[in-house]
């Protein structure tokens, strides 16, 4: 499954985010995202807006098209 399929409040573990654009991938890695990191979806903003996720105590906004490329597994 992918990050965009999670419901608000659900926790997941990142399986793979290599399909994300290389520049965005590097920015996410600088923020601490890596394979097997645990995240939870805080909220989906309306009208195709970004996804707000929490990871290691910090909030991160991820574009909808990037959220569709991050593979996760529910916890």
PDB file of N, CA and C in Angstrom:
ATOM      1  N   UNK A   1       0.835  -1.176   0.000  1.00  0.00           N
ATOM      2  CA  UNK A   1       0.000   0.000   0.000  1.00  0.00           C
ATOM      3  C   UNK A   1       0.877   1.235   0.000  1.00  0.00           C
ATOM      4  N   UNK A   2       0.306   2.363  -0.287  1.00  0.00           N
ATOM      5  CA  UNK A   2       1.051   3.616  -0.327  1.00  0.00           C
ATOM      6  C   UNK A   2       0.530   4.575   0.740  1.00  0.00           C
ATOM      7  N   UNK A   3       1.324   5.582   1.045  1.00  0.00           N
ATOM      8  CA  UNK A   3       1.003   6.537   2.101  1.00  0.00           C
ATOM      9  C   UNK A   3      -0.348   7.206   1.884  1.00  0.00           C
ATOM     10  N   UNK A   4      -0.699   7.490   0.658  1.00  0.00           N
ATOM     11  CA  UNK A   4      -1.958   8.180   0.377  1.00  0.00           C
ATOM     12  C   UNK A   4      -3.185   7.331   0.696  1.00  0.00           C
ATOM     13  N   UNK A   5      -3.018   6.023   0.917  1.00  0.00           N
ATOM     14  CA  UNK A   5      -4.142   5.151   1.244  1.00  0.00           C
ATOM     15  C   UNK A   5      -4.421   5.084   2.750  1.00  0.00           C
ATOM     16  N   UNK A   6      -3.534   5.645   3.558  1.00  0.00           N
ATOM     17  CA  UNK A   6      -3.760   5.645   5.002  1.00  0.00           C
ATOM     18  C   UNK A   6      -4.894   6.589   5.364  1.00  0.00           C
ATOM     19  N   UNK A   7      -5.533   6.308   6.473  1.00  0.00           N
ATOM     20  CA  UNK A   7      -6.555   7.197   7.011  1.00  0.00           C
ATOM     21  C   UNK A   7      -5.922   8.026   8.124  1.00  0.00           C
ATOM     22  N   UNK A   8      -6.428   9.226   8.357  1.00  0.00           N
ATOM     23  CA  UNK A   8      -5.873  10.047   9.440  1.00  0.00           C
ATOM     24  C   UNK A   8      -5.866   9.283  10.770  1.00  0.00           C
ATOM     25  N   UNK A   9      -4.737   9.360  11.461  1.00  0.00           N
ATOM     26  CA  UNK A   9      -4.575   8.681  12.734  1.00  0.00           C
ATOM     27  C   UNK A   9      -3.917   7.316  12.634  1.00  0.00           C
ATOM     28  N   UNK A  10      -3.796   6.765  11.436  1.00  0.00           N
ATOM     29  CA  UNK A  10      -3.181   5.446  11.272  1.00  0.00           C
ATOM     30  C   UNK A  10      -1.664   5.546  11.278  1.00  0.00           C
ATOM     31  N   UNK A  11      -1.044   4.550  11.899  1.00  0.00           N
ATOM     32  CA  UNK A  11       0.409   4.463  11.922  1.00  0.00           C
ATOM     33  C   UNK A  11       0.865   3.481  10.858  1.00  0.00           C
ATOM     34  N   UNK A  12       2.074   3.726  10.359  1.00  0.00           N
ATOM     35  CA  UNK A  12       2.633   2.851   9.333  1.00  0.00           C
ATOM     36  C   UNK A  12       4.150   2.880   9.424  1.00  0.00           C
ATOM     37  N   UNK A  13       4.750   1.934   8.753  1.00  0.00           N
ATOM     38  CA  UNK A  13       6.203   1.868   8.663  1.00  0.00           C
ATOM     39  C   UNK A  13       6.564   2.030   7.191  1.00  0.00           C
ATOM     40  N   UNK A  14       7.544   2.854   6.901  1.00  0.00           N
ATOM     41  CA  UNK A  14       7.964   3.090   5.521  1.00  0.00           C
ATOM     42  C   UNK A  14       8.693   1.863   5.002  1.00  0.00           C
ATOM     43  N   UNK A  15       8.248   1.374   3.864  1.00  0.00           N
ATOM     44  CA  UNK A  15       8.868   0.209   3.243  1.00  0.00           C
ATOM     45  C   UNK A  15       9.846   0.653   2.161  1.00  0.00           C
ATOM     46  N   UNK A  16       9.422   1.628   1.332  1.00  0.00           N
ATOM     47  CA  UNK A  16      10.269   2.059   0.218  1.00  0.00           C
ATOM     48  C   UNK A  16       9.812   3.437  -0.248  1.00  0.00           C
ATOM     49  N   UNK A  17      10.750   4.350  -0.431  1.00  0.00           N
ATOM     50  CA  UNK A  17      10.399   5.630  -1.034  1.00  0.00           C
ATOM     51  C   UNK A  17      11.370   5.998  -2.150  1.00  0.00           C
ATOM     52  N   UNK A  18      11.884   4.984  -2.811  1.00  0.00           N
ATOM     53  CA  UNK A  18      12.825   5.200  -3.914  1.00  0.00           C
ATOM     54  C   UNK A  18      12.141   5.705  -5.184  1.00  0.00           C
ATOM     55  N   UNK A  19      10.815   5.592  -5.274  1.00  0.00           N
ATOM     56  CA  UNK A  19      10.098   6.075  -6.466  1.00  0.00           C
ATOM     57  C   UNK A  19       9.838   7.578  -6.415  1.00  0.00           C
ATOM     58  N   UNK A  20      10.122   8.194  -5.271  1.00  0.00           N
ATOM     59  CA  UNK A  20       9.957   9.638  -5.112  1.00  0.00           C
ATOM     60  C   UNK A  20      11.067  10.339  -5.894  1.00  0.00           C
ATOM     61  N   UNK A  21      10.769  11.504  -6.424  1.00  0.00           N
ATOM     62  CA  UNK A  21      11.766  12.276  -7.176  1.00  0.00           C
ATOM     63  C   UNK A  21      13.032  12.418  -6.332  1.00  0.00           C
ATOM     64  N   UNK A  22      14.176  12.329  -6.978  1.00  0.00           N
ATOM     65  CA  UNK A  22      15.467  12.294  -6.287  1.00  0.00           C
ATOM     66  C   UNK A  22      15.695  13.500  -5.366  1.00  0.00           C
ATOM     67  N   UNK A  23      15.343  14.689  -5.815  1.00  0.00           N
ATOM     68  CA  UNK A  23      15.534  15.893  -4.991  1.00  0.00           C
ATOM     69  C   UNK A  23      14.670  15.814  -3.736  1.00  0.00           C
ATOM     70  N   UNK A  24      13.419  15.434  -3.908  1.00  0.00           N
ATOM     71  CA  UNK A  24      12.502  15.312  -2.772  1.00  0.00           C
ATOM     72  C   UNK A  24      12.973  14.197  -1.838  1.00  0.00           C
ATOM     73  N   UNK A  25      13.466  13.121  -2.416  1.00  0.00           N
ATOM     74  CA  UNK A  25      13.969  12.005  -1.622  1.00  0.00           C
ATOM     75  C   UNK A  25      15.109  12.460  -0.711  1.00  0.00           C
ATOM     76  N   UNK A  26      16.021  13.247  -1.229  1.00  0.00           N
ATOM     77  CA  UNK A  26      17.133  13.750  -0.422  1.00  0.00           C
ATOM     78  C   UNK A  26      16.639  14.678   0.680  1.00  0.00           C
ATOM     79  N   UNK A  27      15.664  15.517   0.386  1.00  0.00           N
ATOM     80  CA  UNK A  27      15.118  16.418   1.412  1.00  0.00           C
ATOM     81  C   UNK A  27      14.451  15.631   2.522  1.00  0.00           C
ATOM     82  N   UNK A  28      13.709  14.585   2.149  1.00  0.00           N
ATOM     83  CA  UNK A  28      13.069  13.751   3.166  1.00  0.00           C
ATOM     84  C   UNK A  28      14.103  13.022   4.015  1.00  0.00           C
ATOM     85  N   UNK A  29      15.185  12.587   3.401  1.00  0.00           N
ATOM     86  CA  UNK A  29      16.242  11.921   4.163  1.00  0.00           C
ATOM     87  C   UNK A  29      16.905  12.885   5.145  1.00  0.00           C
ATOM     88  N   UNK A  30      17.090  14.150   4.739  1.00  0.00           N
ATOM     89  CA  UNK A  30      17.652  15.145   5.649  1.00  0.00           C
ATOM     90  C   UNK A  30      16.732  15.377   6.851  1.00  0.00           C
ATOM     91  N   UNK A  31      15.432  15.195   6.645  1.00  0.00           N
ATOM     92  CA  UNK A  31      14.477  15.340   7.745  1.00  0.00           C
ATOM     93  C   UNK A  31      14.393  14.087   8.609  1.00  0.00           C
ATOM     94  N   UNK A  32      15.106  13.045   8.228  1.00  0.00           N
ATOM     95  CA  UNK A  32      15.155  11.835   9.037  1.00  0.00           C
ATOM     96  C   UNK A  32      14.354  10.671   8.502  1.00  0.00           C
ATOM     97  N   UNK A  33      13.730  10.823   7.346  1.00  0.00           N
ATOM     98  CA  UNK A  33      12.950   9.721   6.791  1.00  0.00           C
ATOM     99  C   UNK A  33      13.890   8.686   6.175  1.00  0.00           C
ATOM    100  N   UNK A  34      13.661   7.446   6.502  1.00  0.00           N
ATOM    101  CA  UNK A  34      14.426   6.353   5.923  1.00  0.00           C
ATOM    102  C   UNK A  34      13.539   5.122   5.921  1.00  0.00           C
ATOM    103  N   UNK A  35      13.988   4.087   5.226  1.00  0.00           N
ATOM    104  CA  UNK A  35      13.216   2.848   5.221  1.00  0.00           C
ATOM    105  C   UNK A  35      13.077   2.353   6.656  1.00  0.00           C
ATOM    106  N   UNK A  36      11.911   1.820   6.973  1.00  0.00           N
ATOM    107  CA  UNK A  36      11.563   1.263   8.277  1.00  0.00           C
ATOM    108  C   UNK A  36      11.299   2.328   9.342  1.00  0.00           C
ATOM    109  N   UNK A  37      11.250   3.613   8.964  1.00  0.00           N
ATOM    110  CA  UNK A  37      10.852   4.652   9.909  1.00  0.00           C
ATOM    111  C   UNK A  37       9.358   4.520  10.183  1.00  0.00           C
ATOM    112  N   UNK A  38       8.961   4.811  11.406  1.00  0.00           N
ATOM    113  CA  UNK A  38       7.539   4.771  11.729  1.00  0.00           C
ATOM    114  C   UNK A  38       6.963   6.176  11.603  1.00  0.00           C
ATOM    115  N   UNK A  39       5.833   6.271  10.924  1.00  0.00           N
ATOM    116  CA  UNK A  39       5.150   7.548  10.744  1.00  0.00           C
ATOM    117  C   UNK A  39       3.677   7.353  11.058  1.00  0.00           C
ATOM    118  N   UNK A  40       2.975   8.453  11.274  1.00  0.00           N
ATOM    119  CA  UNK A  40       1.519   8.374  11.340  1.00  0.00           C
ATOM    120  C   UNK A  40       0.941   9.562  10.607  1.00  0.00           C
ATOM    121  N   UNK A  41      -0.159   9.289   9.925  1.00  0.00           N
ATOM    122  CA  UNK A  41      -0.819  10.311   9.121  1.00  0.00           C
ATOM    123  C   UNK A  41      -1.653  11.179  10.036  1.00  0.00           C
ATOM    124  N   UNK A  42      -1.282  12.434  10.119  1.00  0.00           N
ATOM    125  CA  UNK A  42      -2.016  13.357  10.977  1.00  0.00           C
ATOM    126  C   UNK A  42      -3.299  13.822  10.299  1.00  0.00           C
ATOM    127  N   UNK A  43      -3.172  14.252   9.036  1.00  0.00           N
ATOM    128  CA  UNK A  43      -4.362  14.672   8.290  1.00  0.00           C
ATOM    129  C   UNK A  43      -4.065  14.796   6.809  1.00  0.00           C
ATOM    130  N   UNK A  44      -5.134  14.701   6.034  1.00  0.00           N
ATOM    131  CA  UNK A  44      -5.073  14.948   4.593  1.00  0.00           C
ATOM    132  C   UNK A  44      -5.766  16.277   4.363  1.00  0.00           C
ATOM    133  N   UNK A  45      -5.110  17.172   3.696  1.00  0.00           N
ATOM    134  CA  UNK A  45      -5.734  18.459   3.433  1.00  0.00           C
ATOM    135  C   UNK A  45      -6.621  18.340   2.190  1.00  0.00           C
ATOM    136  N   UNK A  46      -7.709  19.091   2.145  1.00  0.00           N
ATOM    137  CA  UNK A  46      -8.682  18.938   1.056  1.00  0.00           C
ATOM    138  C   UNK A  46      -8.170  19.431  -0.295  1.00  0.00           C
ATOM    139  N   UNK A  47      -8.918  19.034  -1.323  1.00  0.00           N
ATOM    140  CA  UNK A  47      -8.692  19.467  -2.704  1.00  0.00           C
ATOM    141  C   UNK A  47      -7.306  19.084  -3.225  1.00  0.00           C
ATOM    142  N   UNK A  48      -6.848  17.886  -2.877  1.00  0.00           N
ATOM    143  CA  UNK A  48      -5.568  17.408  -3.376  1.00  0.00           C
ATOM    144  C   UNK A  48      -4.366  18.068  -2.726  1.00  0.00           C
ATOM    145  N   UNK A  49      -4.576  18.652  -1.556  1.00  0.00           N
ATOM    146  CA  UNK A  49      -3.490  19.318  -0.840  1.00  0.00           C
ATOM    147  C   UNK A  49      -2.527  18.323  -0.225  1.00  0.00           C
ATOM    148  N   UNK A  50      -1.556  18.832   0.515  1.00  0.00           N
ATOM    149  CA  UNK A  50      -0.529  17.945   1.074  1.00  0.00           C
ATOM    150  C   UNK A  50      -1.050  17.050   2.198  1.00  0.00           C
ATOM    151  N   UNK A  51      -0.269  16.039   2.484  1.00  0.00           N
ATOM    152  CA  UNK A  51      -0.534  15.116   3.582  1.00  0.00           C
ATOM    153  C   UNK A  51       0.359  15.538   4.737  1.00  0.00           C
ATOM    154  N   UNK A  52      -0.201  15.667   5.908  1.00  0.00           N
ATOM    155  CA  UNK A  52       0.570  16.029   7.095  1.00  0.00           C
ATOM    156  C   UNK A  52       0.873  14.747   7.856  1.00  0.00           C
ATOM    157  N   UNK A  53       2.143  14.422   7.980  1.00  0.00           N
ATOM    158  CA  UNK A  53       2.556  13.217   8.697  1.00  0.00           C
ATOM    159  C   UNK A  53       3.451  13.611   9.867  1.00  0.00           C
ATOM    160  N   UNK A  54       3.451  12.773  10.885  1.00  0.00           N
ATOM    161  CA  UNK A  54       4.321  12.956  12.040  1.00  0.00           C
ATOM    162  C   UNK A  54       5.362  11.854  12.010  1.00  0.00           C
ATOM    163  N   UNK A  55       6.608  12.249  12.262  1.00  0.00           N
ATOM    164  CA  UNK A  55       7.703  11.289  12.263  1.00  0.00           C
ATOM    165  C   UNK A  55       8.750  11.785  13.252  1.00  0.00           C
ATOM    166  N   UNK A  56       9.072  10.955  14.221  1.00  0.00           N
ATOM    167  CA  UNK A  56      10.089  11.304  15.225  1.00  0.00           C
ATOM    168  C   UNK A  56       9.808  12.642  15.899  1.00  0.00           C
ATOM    169  N   UNK A  57       8.538  12.919  16.183  1.00  0.00           N
ATOM    170  CA  UNK A  57       8.173  14.133  16.899  1.00  0.00           C
ATOM    171  C   UNK A  57       8.111  15.395  16.066  1.00  0.00           C
ATOM    172  N   UNK A  58       8.257  15.276  14.763  1.00  0.00           N
ATOM    173  CA  UNK A  58       8.161  16.460  13.917  1.00  0.00           C
ATOM    174  C   UNK A  58       7.108  16.263  12.839  1.00  0.00           C
ATOM    175  N   UNK A  59       6.453  17.353  12.461  1.00  0.00           N
ATOM    176  CA  UNK A  59       5.449  17.309  11.416  1.00  0.00           C
ATOM    177  C   UNK A  59       6.060  17.616  10.067  1.00  0.00           C
ATOM    178  N   UNK A  60       5.637  16.864   9.059  1.00  0.00           N
ATOM    179  CA  UNK A  60       6.161  17.041   7.701  1.00  0.00           C
ATOM    180  C   UNK A  60       4.980  17.086   6.743  1.00  0.00           C
ATOM    181  N   UNK A  61       5.000  18.035   5.823  1.00  0.00           N
ATOM    182  CA  UNK A  61       3.999  18.100   4.769  1.00  0.00           C
ATOM    183  C   UNK A  61       4.543  17.451   3.511  1.00  0.00           C
ATOM    184  N   UNK A  62       3.778  16.535   2.944  1.00  0.00           N
ATOM    185  CA  UNK A  62       4.209  15.816   1.743  1.00  0.00           C
ATOM    186  C   UNK A  62       3.153  16.005   0.662  1.00  0.00           C
ATOM    187  N   UNK A  63       3.582  16.387  -0.519  1.00  0.00           N
ATOM    188  CA  UNK A  63       2.637  16.566  -1.634  1.00  0.00           C
ATOM    189  C   UNK A  63       1.889  15.273  -1.909  1.00  0.00           C
ATOM    190  N   UNK A  64       0.670  15.415  -2.406  1.00  0.00           N
ATOM    191  CA  UNK A  64      -0.175  14.249  -2.686  1.00  0.00           C
ATOM    192  C   UNK A  64       0.498  13.321  -3.695  1.00  0.00           C
ATOM    193  N   UNK A  65       1.107  13.867  -4.731  1.00  0.00           N
ATOM    194  CA  UNK A  65       1.734  12.993  -5.743  1.00  0.00           C
ATOM    195  C   UNK A  65       2.937  12.247  -5.173  1.00  0.00           C
ATOM    196  N   UNK A  66       3.629  12.833  -4.205  1.00  0.00           N
ATOM    197  CA  UNK A  66       4.742  12.139  -3.559  1.00  0.00           C
ATOM    198  C   UNK A  66       4.216  11.079  -2.601  1.00  0.00           C
ATOM    199  N   UNK A  67       3.103  11.370  -1.924  1.00  0.00           N
ATOM    200  CA  UNK A  67       2.503  10.400  -0.998  1.00  0.00           C
ATOM    201  C   UNK A  67       2.028   9.150  -1.735  1.00  0.00           C
ATOM    202  N   UNK A  68       1.696   9.289  -3.010  1.00  0.00           N
ATOM    203  CA  UNK A  68       1.277   8.143  -3.806  1.00  0.00           C
ATOM    204  C   UNK A  68       2.438   7.266  -4.226  1.00  0.00           C
ATOM    205  N   UNK A  69       3.676   7.721  -3.987  1.00  0.00           N
ATOM    206  CA  UNK A  69       4.863   6.969  -4.391  1.00  0.00           C
ATOM    207  C   UNK A  69       5.623   6.377  -3.206  1.00  0.00           C
ATOM    208  N   UNK A  70       5.186   6.696  -1.994  1.00  0.00           N
ATOM    209  CA  UNK A  70       5.858   6.171  -0.794  1.00  0.00           C
ATOM    210  C   UNK A  70       5.124   4.926  -0.338  1.00  0.00           C
ATOM    211  N   UNK A  71       5.790   3.780  -0.406  1.00  0.00           N
ATOM    212  CA  UNK A  71       5.188   2.509   0.012  1.00  0.00           C
ATOM    213  C   UNK A  71       5.326   2.358   1.513  1.00  0.00           C
ATOM    214  N   UNK A  72       4.221   1.974   2.162  1.00  0.00           N
ATOM    215  CA  UNK A  72       4.202   1.790   3.612  1.00  0.00           C
ATOM    216  C   UNK A  72       3.515   0.483   3.949  1.00  0.00           C
ATOM    217  N   UNK A  73       3.648   0.089   5.207  1.00  0.00           N
ATOM    218  CA  UNK A  73       2.925  -1.067   5.698  1.00  0.00           C
ATOM    219  C   UNK A  73       2.297  -0.657   7.029  1.00  0.00           C
ATOM    220  N   UNK A  74       0.994  -0.909   7.156  1.00  0.00           N
ATOM    221  CA  UNK A  74       0.262  -0.507   8.350  1.00  0.00           C
ATOM    222  C   UNK A  74       0.820  -1.156   9.598  1.00  0.00           C
ATOM    223  N   UNK A  75       0.684  -0.453  10.708  1.00  0.00           N
ATOM    224  CA  UNK A  75       1.104  -0.984  12.006  1.00  0.00           C
ATOM    225  C   UNK A  75      -0.093  -1.434  12.787  1.00  0.00           C
TER     226      UNK A  75
END
